[in-house]
Amino acid sequence: MNTMNKLSPFIAMLLPVPLMWLSLKISEMYASALSVALSIVFLIVLRSFKMLRGGFPNFLKRRPLLYSLLIFLMFMALRSVYVLLYGFPAEKVSIIYFLMVFFIVYGISFHESGFSKDKLMLNILFAIFVFLLISLVYILSSFIAVFLLGLPMPTLVFQNLEIVPLTFVFMTLVVGVSEEWLFRGFFQKLLLEKFTAGIALTVQAILFGIWHVVWHISPNGIDIPGMFSHVFFSFIWGVLAGVMFIKTGSLLAPILVHGLWDTLVTHLYIKLPVSVMAYSPIGVAFISIAGTFLTCLMIVIAIVVVPKTSEYLWR
């Protein structure tokens, strides 16, 4: 393979950068719309390359952990620049285009990493079931915490409902596709070439947790408590999404749940009593109790509910 072919995935990764930079100069809404448009181009290309039948090349299989870490660090650097400068995750499009060209250049089947229409409706129904379950757990954890602390019950407030459709499309076709493909369809699948499912699942989930560190770094300092909780919950989500991918063999369910979940937390605000705010003792107690319940229930969903439900549906 010549040098130009080897470099083409990196060129594809860089191509969206000036477009995203210009769009962010206008507004985040414009950047979101442009990201969706570029992601739809990927879906069109996906349909055009059904003939690809190969697996991962041998150089990746020999050192899957090394290459996973290198690619992760490359995109982490790009992500950090976008988030720290603009507060917007514009690296998503670059991830999609890098992986798209990488798969085409090396003849890797898109089906290999979970892009499949097999049992389409079953995957959609399964995704909706998992989303409703984790949403219930998320809300229930907050209510349990305030009840145990003897505080007034929180209220659910939905914000900016007029842009929910755009949020869902962006969170699914851009955030969901890029992150689920990179972490589950690429890292996890590649690591499975050499390691056990448990190791592959854990490594990609750790990387996914670290992926969210940058949101808590600012010129004003580092939000350690917020960073820890975000990274830890992202790790739990990484495990859950990884289990869904293993059990269904498709990225559709993880992508759809990812999009629905990010849309929910963007527009649903659980309004807590004023005394719980900031890092007061009662606030720390609330976060600890709600976080413990949420973590335990999410783990149960990941290791018990999802495997049992998928086995029942796919038998």
C-alpha atoms as a PDB file:
ATOM      1  CA  MET A   1       0.000   0.000   0.000  1.00  0.00           C
ATOM      2  CA  ASN A   2       1.477   3.359  -1.002  1.00  0.00           C
ATOM      3  CA  THR A   3       2.101   6.262   1.357  1.00  0.00           C
ATOM      4  CA  MET A   4      -0.795   8.342   0.001  1.00  0.00           C
ATOM      5  CA  ASN A   5      -3.299   5.604   0.810  1.00  0.00           C
ATOM      6  CA  LYS A   6      -1.915   5.294   4.331  1.00  0.00           C
ATOM      7  CA  LEU A   7      -2.160   9.047   4.871  1.00  0.00           C
ATOM      8  CA  SER A   8      -5.658   9.429   3.396  1.00  0.00           C
ATOM      9  CA  PRO A   9      -7.536   8.665   6.689  1.00  0.00           C
ATOM     10  CA  PHE A  10      -5.580  11.466   8.399  1.00  0.00           C
ATOM     11  CA  ILE A  11      -6.293  13.832   5.506  1.00  0.00           C
ATOM     12  CA  ALA A  12      -9.993  12.927   5.778  1.00  0.00           C
ATOM     13  CA  MET A  13      -9.809  13.629   9.513  1.00  0.00           C
ATOM     14  CA  LEU A  14      -8.444  17.130   8.896  1.00  0.00           C
ATOM     15  CA  LEU A  15     -10.778  18.097   6.036  1.00  0.00           C
ATOM     16  CA  PRO A  16     -13.772  18.994   8.279  1.00  0.00           C
ATOM     17  CA  VAL A  17     -11.602  21.081  10.640  1.00  0.00           C
ATOM     18  CA  PRO A  18     -11.695  24.413   8.686  1.00  0.00           C
ATOM     19  CA  LEU A  19     -15.414  23.940   7.981  1.00  0.00           C
ATOM     20  CA  MET A  20     -16.185  23.343  11.655  1.00  0.00           C
ATOM     21  CA  TRP A  21     -13.973  26.253  12.702  1.00  0.00           C
ATOM     22  CA  LEU A  22     -15.810  28.624  10.354  1.00  0.00           C
ATOM     23  CA  SER A  23     -19.224  27.333  11.464  1.00  0.00           C
ATOM     24  CA  LEU A  24     -18.334  27.823  15.150  1.00  0.00           C
ATOM     25  CA  LYS A  25     -17.472  31.439  14.351  1.00  0.00           C
ATOM     26  CA  ILE A  26     -21.139  31.855  13.378  1.00  0.00           C
ATOM     27  CA  SER A  27     -22.953  29.844  16.065  1.00  0.00           C
ATOM     28  CA  GLU A  28     -23.173  26.455  17.766  1.00  0.00           C
ATOM     29  CA  MET A  29     -26.526  25.899  16.050  1.00  0.00           C
ATOM     30  CA  TYR A  30     -24.868  26.317  12.667  1.00  0.00           C
ATOM     31  CA  ALA A  31     -22.036  23.981  13.696  1.00  0.00           C
ATOM     32  CA  SER A  32     -24.595  21.377  14.803  1.00  0.00           C
ATOM     33  CA  ALA A  33     -26.465  21.584  11.488  1.00  0.00           C
ATOM     34  CA  LEU A  34     -23.199  21.320   9.507  1.00  0.00           C
ATOM     35  CA  SER A  35     -22.121  18.306  11.594  1.00  0.00           C
ATOM     36  CA  VAL A  36     -25.415  16.567  10.853  1.00  0.00           C
ATOM     37  CA  ALA A  37     -25.088  17.294   7.122  1.00  0.00           C
ATOM     38  CA  LEU A  38     -21.540  15.896   7.006  1.00  0.00           C
ATOM     39  CA  SER A  39     -22.625  12.838   8.985  1.00  0.00           C
ATOM     40  CA  ILE A  40     -25.443  12.159   6.506  1.00  0.00           C
ATOM     41  CA  VAL A  41     -22.807  12.155   3.747  1.00  0.00           C
ATOM     42  CA  PHE A  42     -21.134   9.313   5.664  1.00  0.00           C
ATOM     43  CA  LEU A  43     -24.400   7.345   5.714  1.00  0.00           C
ATOM     44  CA  ILE A  44     -24.687   7.748   1.937  1.00  0.00           C
ATOM     45  CA  VAL A  45     -21.088   6.537   1.510  1.00  0.00           C
ATOM     46  CA  LEU A  46     -21.854   3.627   3.849  1.00  0.00           C
ATOM     47  CA  ARG A  47     -24.515   2.372   1.458  1.00  0.00           C
ATOM     48  CA  SER A  48     -22.078   2.614  -1.458  1.00  0.00           C
ATOM     49  CA  PHE A  49     -19.438   0.354   0.079  1.00  0.00           C
ATOM     50  CA  LYS A  50     -21.392  -2.773   0.872  1.00  0.00           C
ATOM     51  CA  MET A  51     -18.838  -4.797  -1.087  1.00  0.00           C
ATOM     52  CA  LEU A  52     -16.142  -4.412   1.582  1.00  0.00           C
ATOM     53  CA  ARG A  53     -15.658  -7.814   3.184  1.00  0.00           C
ATOM     54  CA  GLY A  54     -12.308  -7.696   4.988  1.00  0.00           C
ATOM     55  CA  GLY A  55     -11.466  -7.664   8.687  1.00  0.00           C
ATOM     56  CA  PHE A  56      -8.928  -5.593  10.601  1.00  0.00           C
ATOM     57  CA  PRO A  57      -5.441  -5.554   9.021  1.00  0.00           C
ATOM     58  CA  ASN A  58      -2.717  -7.638  10.677  1.00  0.00           C
ATOM     59  CA  PHE A  59      -0.707  -4.656  11.932  1.00  0.00           C
ATOM     60  CA  LEU A  60      -3.722  -3.623  14.058  1.00  0.00           C
ATOM     61  CA  LYS A  61      -4.353  -7.164  15.278  1.00  0.00           C
ATOM     62  CA  ARG A  62      -0.746  -7.568  16.440  1.00  0.00           C
ATOM     63  CA  ARG A  63      -0.843  -4.490  18.697  1.00  0.00           C
ATOM     64  CA  PRO A  64      -4.515  -3.645  19.261  1.00  0.00           C
ATOM     65  CA  LEU A  65      -3.968  -1.893  22.593  1.00  0.00           C
ATOM     66  CA  LEU A  66      -1.136   0.286  21.287  1.00  0.00           C
ATOM     67  CA  TYR A  67      -3.049   1.432  18.200  1.00  0.00           C
ATOM     68  CA  SER A  68      -6.235   1.986  20.204  1.00  0.00           C
ATOM     69  CA  LEU A  69      -4.324   4.239  22.608  1.00  0.00           C
ATOM     70  CA  LEU A  70      -2.579   6.157  19.813  1.00  0.00           C
ATOM     71  CA  ILE A  71      -5.815   6.817  17.928  1.00  0.00           C
ATOM     72  CA  PHE A  72      -7.561   7.721  21.193  1.00  0.00           C
ATOM     73  CA  LEU A  73      -4.841  10.245  22.086  1.00  0.00           C
ATOM     74  CA  MET A  74      -4.968  11.739  18.594  1.00  0.00           C
ATOM     75  CA  PHE A  75      -8.678  12.453  18.845  1.00  0.00           C
ATOM     76  CA  MET A  76      -8.440  13.446  22.510  1.00  0.00           C
ATOM     77  CA  ALA A  77      -6.002  16.182  21.481  1.00  0.00           C
ATOM     78  CA  LEU A  78      -8.353  17.429  18.745  1.00  0.00           C
ATOM     79  CA  ARG A  79     -11.342  17.243  21.104  1.00  0.00           C
ATOM     80  CA  SER A  80      -9.504  19.212  23.791  1.00  0.00           C
ATOM     81  CA  VAL A  81      -8.794  22.082  21.381  1.00  0.00           C
ATOM     82  CA  TYR A  82     -12.447  22.338  20.300  1.00  0.00           C
ATOM     83  CA  VAL A  83     -13.946  22.026  23.784  1.00  0.00           C
ATOM     84  CA  LEU A  84     -11.472  24.337  25.528  1.00  0.00           C
ATOM     85  CA  LEU A  85     -11.655  27.019  22.816  1.00  0.00           C
ATOM     86  CA  TYR A  86     -15.312  26.794  21.770  1.00  0.00           C
ATOM     87  CA  GLY A  87     -17.087  24.595  24.321  1.00  0.00           C
ATOM     88  CA  PHE A  88     -18.348  22.472  21.417  1.00  0.00           C
ATOM     89  CA  PRO A  89     -17.420  18.835  20.535  1.00  0.00           C
ATOM     90  CA  ALA A  90     -16.672  19.484  16.851  1.00  0.00           C
ATOM     91  CA  GLU A  91     -14.226  16.561  16.659  1.00  0.00           C
ATOM     92  CA  LYS A  92     -17.116  14.154  16.008  1.00  0.00           C
ATOM     93  CA  VAL A  93     -17.132  14.719  12.252  1.00  0.00           C
ATOM     94  CA  SER A  94     -13.367  14.162  12.056  1.00  0.00           C
ATOM     95  CA  ILE A  95     -13.789  10.840  13.874  1.00  0.00           C
ATOM     96  CA  ILE A  96     -16.442   9.701  11.401  1.00  0.00           C
ATOM     97  CA  TYR A  97     -14.400  10.694   8.349  1.00  0.00           C
ATOM     98  CA  PHE A  98     -11.162   9.193   9.668  1.00  0.00           C
ATOM     99  CA  LEU A  99     -12.839   5.844  10.371  1.00  0.00           C
ATOM    100  CA  MET A 100     -14.809   5.898   7.120  1.00  0.00           C
ATOM    101  CA  VAL A 101     -11.697   6.396   4.966  1.00  0.00           C
ATOM    102  CA  PHE A 102      -9.625   4.037   7.132  1.00  0.00           C
ATOM    103  CA  PHE A 103     -12.159   1.243   6.608  1.00  0.00           C
ATOM    104  CA  ILE A 104     -12.354   1.908   2.858  1.00  0.00           C
ATOM    105  CA  VAL A 105      -8.551   2.074   2.389  1.00  0.00           C
ATOM    106  CA  TYR A 106      -7.945  -1.162   4.282  1.00  0.00           C
ATOM    107  CA  GLY A 107     -11.023  -2.924   2.880  1.00  0.00           C
ATOM    108  CA  ILE A 108     -12.583  -3.445   6.308  1.00  0.00           C
ATOM    109  CA  SER A 109     -16.261  -4.309   6.203  1.00  0.00           C
ATOM    110  CA  PHE A 110     -18.527  -1.756   7.858  1.00  0.00           C
ATOM    111  CA  HIS A 111     -20.538  -4.773   8.952  1.00  0.00           C
ATOM    112  CA  GLU A 112     -17.433  -5.855  10.888  1.00  0.00           C
ATOM    113  CA  SER A 113     -17.838  -2.924  13.268  1.00  0.00           C
ATOM    114  CA  GLY A 114     -21.587  -3.223  13.729  1.00  0.00           C
ATOM    115  CA  PHE A 115     -23.220  -1.313  10.868  1.00  0.00           C
ATOM    116  CA  SER A 116     -25.873  -3.837  10.000  1.00  0.00           C
ATOM    117  CA  LYS A 117     -29.577  -3.727   9.179  1.00  0.00           C
ATOM    118  CA  ASP A 118     -30.126  -7.243  10.524  1.00  0.00           C
ATOM    119  CA  LYS A 119     -33.142  -7.354  12.850  1.00  0.00           C
ATOM    120  CA  LEU A 120     -33.561  -3.605  12.473  1.00  0.00           C
ATOM    121  CA  MET A 121     -36.895  -3.238  14.286  1.00  0.00           C
ATOM    122  CA  LEU A 122     -35.796  -5.562  17.081  1.00  0.00           C
ATOM    123  CA  ASN A 123     -32.709  -3.416  17.682  1.00  0.00           C
ATOM    124  CA  ILE A 124     -34.816  -0.240  17.702  1.00  0.00           C
ATOM    125  CA  LEU A 125     -37.318  -1.694  20.190  1.00  0.00           C
ATOM    126  CA  PHE A 126     -34.482  -2.988  22.362  1.00  0.00           C
ATOM    127  CA  ALA A 127     -32.848   0.471  22.322  1.00  0.00           C
ATOM    128  CA  ILE A 128     -36.099   2.173  23.348  1.00  0.00           C
ATOM    129  CA  PHE A 129     -36.535  -0.342  26.194  1.00  0.00           C
ATOM    130  CA  VAL A 130     -32.977   0.261  27.505  1.00  0.00           C
ATOM    131  CA  PHE A 131     -33.366   4.045  27.178  1.00  0.00           C
ATOM    132  CA  LEU A 132     -36.644   4.081  29.124  1.00  0.00           C
ATOM    133  CA  LEU A 133     -35.086   1.882  31.796  1.00  0.00           C
ATOM    134  CA  ILE A 134     -31.980   4.023  32.366  1.00  0.00           C
ATOM    135  CA  SER A 135     -34.080   7.221  32.223  1.00  0.00           C
ATOM    136  CA  LEU A 136     -36.338   5.850  34.955  1.00  0.00           C
ATOM    137  CA  VAL A 137     -33.286   4.876  37.019  1.00  0.00           C
ATOM    138  CA  TYR A 138     -31.765   8.347  36.535  1.00  0.00           C
ATOM    139  CA  ILE A 139     -34.888  10.159  37.724  1.00  0.00           C
ATOM    140  CA  LEU A 140     -35.636   7.632  40.484  1.00  0.00           C
ATOM    141  CA  SER A 141     -32.130   8.006  41.957  1.00  0.00           C
ATOM    142  CA  SER A 142     -32.668  11.742  42.525  1.00  0.00           C
ATOM    143  CA  PHE A 143     -36.066  11.200  44.131  1.00  0.00           C
ATOM    144  CA  ILE A 144     -34.690   8.465  46.422  1.00  0.00           C
ATOM    145  CA  ALA A 145     -31.820  10.748  47.506  1.00  0.00           C
ATOM    146  CA  VAL A 146     -34.048  13.696  48.453  1.00  0.00           C
ATOM    147  CA  PHE A 147     -36.476  11.335  50.220  1.00  0.00           C
ATOM    148  CA  LEU A 148     -33.723   9.792  52.367  1.00  0.00           C
ATOM    149  CA  LEU A 149     -32.371  13.258  53.196  1.00  0.00           C
ATOM    150  CA  GLY A 150     -35.834  14.511  54.154  1.00  0.00           C
ATOM    151  CA  LEU A 151     -35.798  17.248  51.537  1.00  0.00           C
ATOM    152  CA  PRO A 152     -38.720  18.536  49.415  1.00  0.00           C
ATOM    153  CA  MET A 153     -39.279  16.489  46.286  1.00  0.00           C
ATOM    154  CA  PRO A 154     -37.551  17.755  43.119  1.00  0.00           C
ATOM    155  CA  THR A 155     -39.486  18.800  40.046  1.00  0.00           C
ATOM    156  CA  LEU A 156     -38.836  17.846  36.429  1.00  0.00           C
ATOM    157  CA  VAL A 157     -38.377  20.837  34.142  1.00  0.00           C
ATOM    158  CA  PHE A 158     -38.118  20.490  30.363  1.00  0.00           C
ATOM    159  CA  GLN A 159     -36.162  23.245  28.639  1.00  0.00           C
ATOM    160  CA  ASN A 160     -35.884  24.520  25.041  1.00  0.00           C
ATOM    161  CA  LEU A 161     -38.364  21.989  23.697  1.00  0.00           C
ATOM    162  CA  GLU A 162     -38.497  23.749  20.325  1.00  0.00           C
ATOM    163  CA  ILE A 163     -35.007  22.465  19.419  1.00  0.00           C
ATOM    164  CA  VAL A 164     -35.464  18.875  20.660  1.00  0.00           C
ATOM    165  CA  PRO A 165     -35.653  17.470  17.081  1.00  0.00           C
ATOM    166  CA  LEU A 166     -32.324  19.087  16.111  1.00  0.00           C
ATOM    167  CA  THR A 167     -30.772  17.960  19.401  1.00  0.00           C
ATOM    168  CA  PHE A 168     -31.889  14.369  18.828  1.00  0.00           C
ATOM    169  CA  VAL A 169     -30.622  14.278  15.244  1.00  0.00           C
ATOM    170  CA  PHE A 170     -27.272  15.788  16.274  1.00  0.00           C
ATOM    171  CA  MET A 171     -26.886  13.543  19.323  1.00  0.00           C
ATOM    172  CA  THR A 172     -27.726  10.427  17.304  1.00  0.00           C
ATOM    173  CA  LEU A 173     -26.185  10.938  13.852  1.00  0.00           C
ATOM    174  CA  VAL A 174     -23.123  12.867  15.030  1.00  0.00           C
ATOM    175  CA  VAL A 175     -22.370  12.144  18.710  1.00  0.00           C
ATOM    176  CA  GLY A 176     -23.873   8.640  18.803  1.00  0.00           C
ATOM    177  CA  VAL A 177     -22.405   7.459  15.496  1.00  0.00           C
ATOM    178  CA  SER A 178     -18.908   8.866  16.115  1.00  0.00           C
ATOM    179  CA  GLU A 179     -18.477   7.773  19.728  1.00  0.00           C
ATOM    180  CA  GLU A 180     -20.134   4.363  19.456  1.00  0.00           C
ATOM    181  CA  TRP A 181     -18.213   3.569  16.269  1.00  0.00           C
ATOM    182  CA  LEU A 182     -14.883   4.689  17.748  1.00  0.00           C
ATOM    183  CA  PHE A 183     -15.184   3.130  21.211  1.00  0.00           C
ATOM    184  CA  ARG A 184     -17.393   0.097  20.643  1.00  0.00           C
ATOM    185  CA  GLY A 185     -17.192  -0.602  16.889  1.00  0.00           C
ATOM    186  CA  PHE A 186     -13.460   0.080  16.594  1.00  0.00           C
ATOM    187  CA  PHE A 187     -11.589  -0.071  19.936  1.00  0.00           C
ATOM    188  CA  GLN A 188     -13.687  -2.819  21.538  1.00  0.00           C
ATOM    189  CA  LYS A 189     -13.923  -4.872  18.356  1.00  0.00           C
ATOM    190  CA  LEU A 190     -10.178  -4.519  17.719  1.00  0.00           C
ATOM    191  CA  LEU A 191      -9.237  -5.419  21.300  1.00  0.00           C
ATOM    192  CA  LEU A 192     -11.371  -8.561  21.023  1.00  0.00           C
ATOM    193  CA  GLU A 193      -8.916  -9.782  18.363  1.00  0.00           C
ATOM    194  CA  LYS A 194      -6.326 -10.385  21.103  1.00  0.00           C
ATOM    195  CA  PHE A 195      -7.975 -10.038  24.511  1.00  0.00           C
ATOM    196  CA  THR A 196     -10.976 -11.492  26.330  1.00  0.00           C
ATOM    197  CA  ALA A 197     -14.373  -9.805  26.193  1.00  0.00           C
ATOM    198  CA  GLY A 198     -13.941  -8.618  29.793  1.00  0.00           C
ATOM    199  CA  ILE A 199     -10.627  -6.886  29.068  1.00  0.00           C
ATOM    200  CA  ALA A 200     -11.854  -5.360  25.787  1.00  0.00           C
ATOM    201  CA  LEU A 201     -15.011  -4.126  27.488  1.00  0.00           C
ATOM    202  CA  THR A 202     -13.119  -2.607  30.422  1.00  0.00           C
ATOM    203  CA  VAL A 203     -10.390  -0.901  28.365  1.00  0.00           C
ATOM    204  CA  GLN A 204     -12.780   0.826  25.959  1.00  0.00           C
ATOM    205  CA  ALA A 205     -15.010   1.883  28.890  1.00  0.00           C
ATOM    206  CA  ILE A 206     -12.002   3.407  30.711  1.00  0.00           C
ATOM    207  CA  LEU A 207     -11.027   5.310  27.559  1.00  0.00           C
ATOM    208  CA  PHE A 208     -14.615   6.484  27.179  1.00  0.00           C
ATOM    209  CA  GLY A 209     -14.584   7.752  30.761  1.00  0.00           C
ATOM    210  CA  ILE A 210     -11.310   9.654  30.228  1.00  0.00           C
ATOM    211  CA  TRP A 211     -12.813  11.068  27.005  1.00  0.00           C
ATOM    212  CA  HIS A 212     -15.077  13.282  29.168  1.00  0.00           C
ATOM    213  CA  VAL A 213     -12.339  14.780  31.382  1.00  0.00           C
ATOM    214  CA  VAL A 214     -11.952  17.856  29.179  1.00  0.00           C
ATOM    215  CA  TRP A 215     -15.457  19.156  29.963  1.00  0.00           C
ATOM    216  CA  HIS A 216     -14.321  19.961  33.512  1.00  0.00           C
ATOM    217  CA  ILE A 217     -11.158  21.917  32.706  1.00  0.00           C
ATOM    218  CA  SER A 218     -11.378  25.685  32.304  1.00  0.00           C
ATOM    219  CA  PRO A 219      -9.259  28.825  32.804  1.00  0.00           C
ATOM    220  CA  ASN A 220     -10.846  29.055  36.260  1.00  0.00           C
ATOM    221  CA  GLY A 221      -9.458  25.691  37.326  1.00  0.00           C
ATOM    222  CA  ILE A 222     -10.423  22.028  37.362  1.00  0.00           C
ATOM    223  CA  ASP A 223     -13.762  20.853  38.702  1.00  0.00           C
ATOM    224  CA  ILE A 224     -12.532  17.663  40.411  1.00  0.00           C
ATOM    225  CA  PRO A 225     -15.886  16.441  41.878  1.00  0.00           C
ATOM    226  CA  GLY A 226     -17.720  17.116  38.604  1.00  0.00           C
ATOM    227  CA  MET A 227     -14.931  15.475  36.603  1.00  0.00           C
ATOM    228  CA  PHE A 228     -14.913  12.368  38.784  1.00  0.00           C
ATOM    229  CA  SER A 229     -18.687  11.855  38.621  1.00  0.00           C
ATOM    230  CA  HIS A 230     -18.813  12.496  34.848  1.00  0.00           C
ATOM    231  CA  VAL A 231     -15.880  10.163  34.121  1.00  0.00           C
ATOM    232  CA  PHE A 232     -17.267   7.451  36.371  1.00  0.00           C
ATOM    233  CA  PHE A 233     -20.771   7.591  34.888  1.00  0.00           C
ATOM    234  CA  SER A 234     -19.276   7.607  31.372  1.00  0.00           C
ATOM    235  CA  PHE A 235     -17.306   4.484  32.303  1.00  0.00           C
ATOM    236  CA  ILE A 236     -20.524   2.786  33.428  1.00  0.00           C
ATOM    237  CA  TRP A 237     -22.209   3.854  30.172  1.00  0.00           C
ATOM    238  CA  GLY A 238     -19.215   2.478  28.248  1.00  0.00           C
ATOM    239  CA  VAL A 239     -19.714  -0.906  29.890  1.00  0.00           C
ATOM    240  CA  LEU A 240     -23.470  -0.843  29.209  1.00  0.00           C
ATOM    241  CA  ALA A 241     -23.020   0.155  25.551  1.00  0.00           C
ATOM    242  CA  GLY A 242     -20.254  -2.436  25.135  1.00  0.00           C
ATOM    243  CA  VAL A 243     -22.496  -5.187  26.502  1.00  0.00           C
ATOM    244  CA  MET A 244     -25.307  -4.085  24.162  1.00  0.00           C
ATOM    245  CA  PHE A 245     -22.894  -4.285  21.217  1.00  0.00           C
ATOM    246  CA  ILE A 246     -21.647  -7.746  22.191  1.00  0.00           C
ATOM    247  CA  LYS A 247     -25.136  -9.121  22.734  1.00  0.00           C
ATOM    248  CA  THR A 248     -26.760  -7.656  19.604  1.00  0.00           C
ATOM    249  CA  GLY A 249     -23.765  -7.624  17.240  1.00  0.00           C
ATOM    250  CA  SER A 250     -24.969  -4.231  16.032  1.00  0.00           C
ATOM    251  CA  LEU A 251     -24.147  -0.603  16.808  1.00  0.00           C
ATOM    252  CA  LEU A 252     -27.726   0.467  16.149  1.00  0.00           C
ATOM    253  CA  ALA A 253     -28.972  -0.031  19.724  1.00  0.00           C
ATOM    254  CA  PRO A 254     -25.977   1.715  21.398  1.00  0.00           C
ATOM    255  CA  ILE A 255     -26.155   4.613  18.906  1.00  0.00           C
ATOM    256  CA  LEU A 256     -29.894   5.096  19.381  1.00  0.00           C
ATOM    257  CA  VAL A 257     -29.762   4.865  23.184  1.00  0.00           C
ATOM    258  CA  HIS A 258     -26.800   7.267  23.168  1.00  0.00           C
ATOM    259  CA  GLY A 259     -28.737   9.786  21.083  1.00  0.00           C
ATOM    260  CA  LEU A 260     -31.896   9.507  23.159  1.00  0.00           C
ATOM    261  CA  TRP A 261     -30.011   9.756  26.449  1.00  0.00           C
ATOM    262  CA  ASP A 262     -27.969  12.817  25.452  1.00  0.00           C
ATOM    263  CA  THR A 263     -31.148  14.480  24.190  1.00  0.00           C
ATOM    264  CA  LEU A 264     -32.892  13.784  27.497  1.00  0.00           C
ATOM    265  CA  VAL A 265     -30.128  15.165  29.729  1.00  0.00           C
ATOM    266  CA  THR A 266     -29.786  18.213  27.452  1.00  0.00           C
ATOM    267  CA  HIS A 267     -33.436  19.179  27.832  1.00  0.00           C
ATOM    268  CA  LEU A 268     -34.512  17.644  31.170  1.00  0.00           C
ATOM    269  CA  TYR A 269     -33.543  19.559  34.291  1.00  0.00           C
ATOM    270  CA  ILE A 270     -34.191  17.980  37.676  1.00  0.00           C
ATOM    271  CA  LYS A 271     -34.842  21.055  39.806  1.00  0.00           C
ATOM    272  CA  LEU A 272     -33.558  20.411  43.298  1.00  0.00           C
ATOM    273  CA  PRO A 273     -34.139  22.359  46.536  1.00  0.00           C
ATOM    274  CA  VAL A 274     -31.882  25.411  46.851  1.00  0.00           C
ATOM    275  CA  SER A 275     -30.128  23.918  49.912  1.00  0.00           C
ATOM    276  CA  VAL A 276     -28.705  21.100  47.783  1.00  0.00           C
ATOM    277  CA  MET A 277     -26.824  23.395  45.436  1.00  0.00           C
ATOM    278  CA  ALA A 278     -23.017  23.768  45.240  1.00  0.00           C
ATOM    279  CA  TYR A 279     -20.716  21.665  47.410  1.00  0.00           C
ATOM    280  CA  SER A 280     -22.463  22.146  50.734  1.00  0.00           C
ATOM    281  CA  PRO A 281     -22.584  19.130  53.108  1.00  0.00           C
ATOM    282  CA  ILE A 282     -26.176  18.426  52.070  1.00  0.00           C
ATOM    283  CA  GLY A 283     -25.182  18.754  48.414  1.00  0.00           C
ATOM    284  CA  VAL A 284     -22.363  16.251  48.832  1.00  0.00           C
ATOM    285  CA  ALA A 285     -24.743  13.885  50.637  1.00  0.00           C
ATOM    286  CA  PHE A 286     -27.295  14.192  47.829  1.00  0.00           C
ATOM    287  CA  ILE A 287     -24.716  13.529  45.106  1.00  0.00           C
ATOM    288  CA  SER A 288     -23.302  10.569  47.048  1.00  0.00           C
ATOM    289  CA  ILE A 289     -26.681   8.901  47.620  1.00  0.00           C
ATOM    290  CA  ALA A 290     -28.076   9.589  44.140  1.00  0.00           C
ATOM    291  CA  GLY A 291     -24.789   8.547  42.540  1.00  0.00           C
ATOM    292  CA  THR A 292     -24.626   5.305  44.527  1.00  0.00           C
ATOM    293  CA  PHE A 293     -28.177   4.314  43.602  1.00  0.00           C
ATOM    294  CA  LEU A 294     -27.638   5.284  39.956  1.00  0.00           C
ATOM    295  CA  THR A 295     -24.355   3.351  39.743  1.00  0.00           C
ATOM    296  CA  CYS A 296     -25.744   0.189  41.346  1.00  0.00           C
ATOM    297  CA  LEU A 297     -28.854   0.177  39.182  1.00  0.00           C
ATOM    298  CA  MET A 298     -26.871   0.896  35.993  1.00  0.00           C
ATOM    299  CA  ILE A 299     -24.531  -2.006  36.778  1.00  0.00           C
ATOM    300  CA  VAL A 300     -27.537  -4.289  37.268  1.00  0.00           C
ATOM    301  CA  ILE A 301     -28.917  -3.125  33.907  1.00  0.00           C
ATOM    302  CA  ALA A 302     -25.527  -3.702  32.219  1.00  0.00           C
ATOM    303  CA  ILE A 303     -24.691  -7.152  33.594  1.00  0.00           C
ATOM    304  CA  VAL A 304     -28.150  -8.634  34.185  1.00  0.00           C
ATOM    305  CA  VAL A 305     -31.036  -6.886  32.387  1.00  0.00           C
ATOM    306  CA  VAL A 306     -29.387  -6.207  29.008  1.00  0.00           C
ATOM    307  CA  PRO A 307     -27.875  -9.722  28.604  1.00  0.00           C
ATOM    308  CA  LYS A 308     -31.075 -11.473  29.725  1.00  0.00           C
ATOM    309  CA  THR A 309     -33.349  -9.290  27.576  1.00  0.00           C
ATOM    310  CA  SER A 310     -31.143  -9.607  24.480  1.00  0.00           C
ATOM    311  CA  GLU A 311     -30.893 -13.380  24.891  1.00  0.00           C
ATOM    312  CA  TYR A 312     -34.685 -13.563  25.099  1.00  0.00           C
ATOM    313  CA  LEU A 313     -35.222 -11.304  22.049  1.00  0.00           C
ATOM    314  CA  TRP A 314     -32.485 -12.844  19.877  1.00  0.00           C
ATOM    315  CA  ARG A 315     -33.113 -16.506  20.677  1.00  0.00           C
END
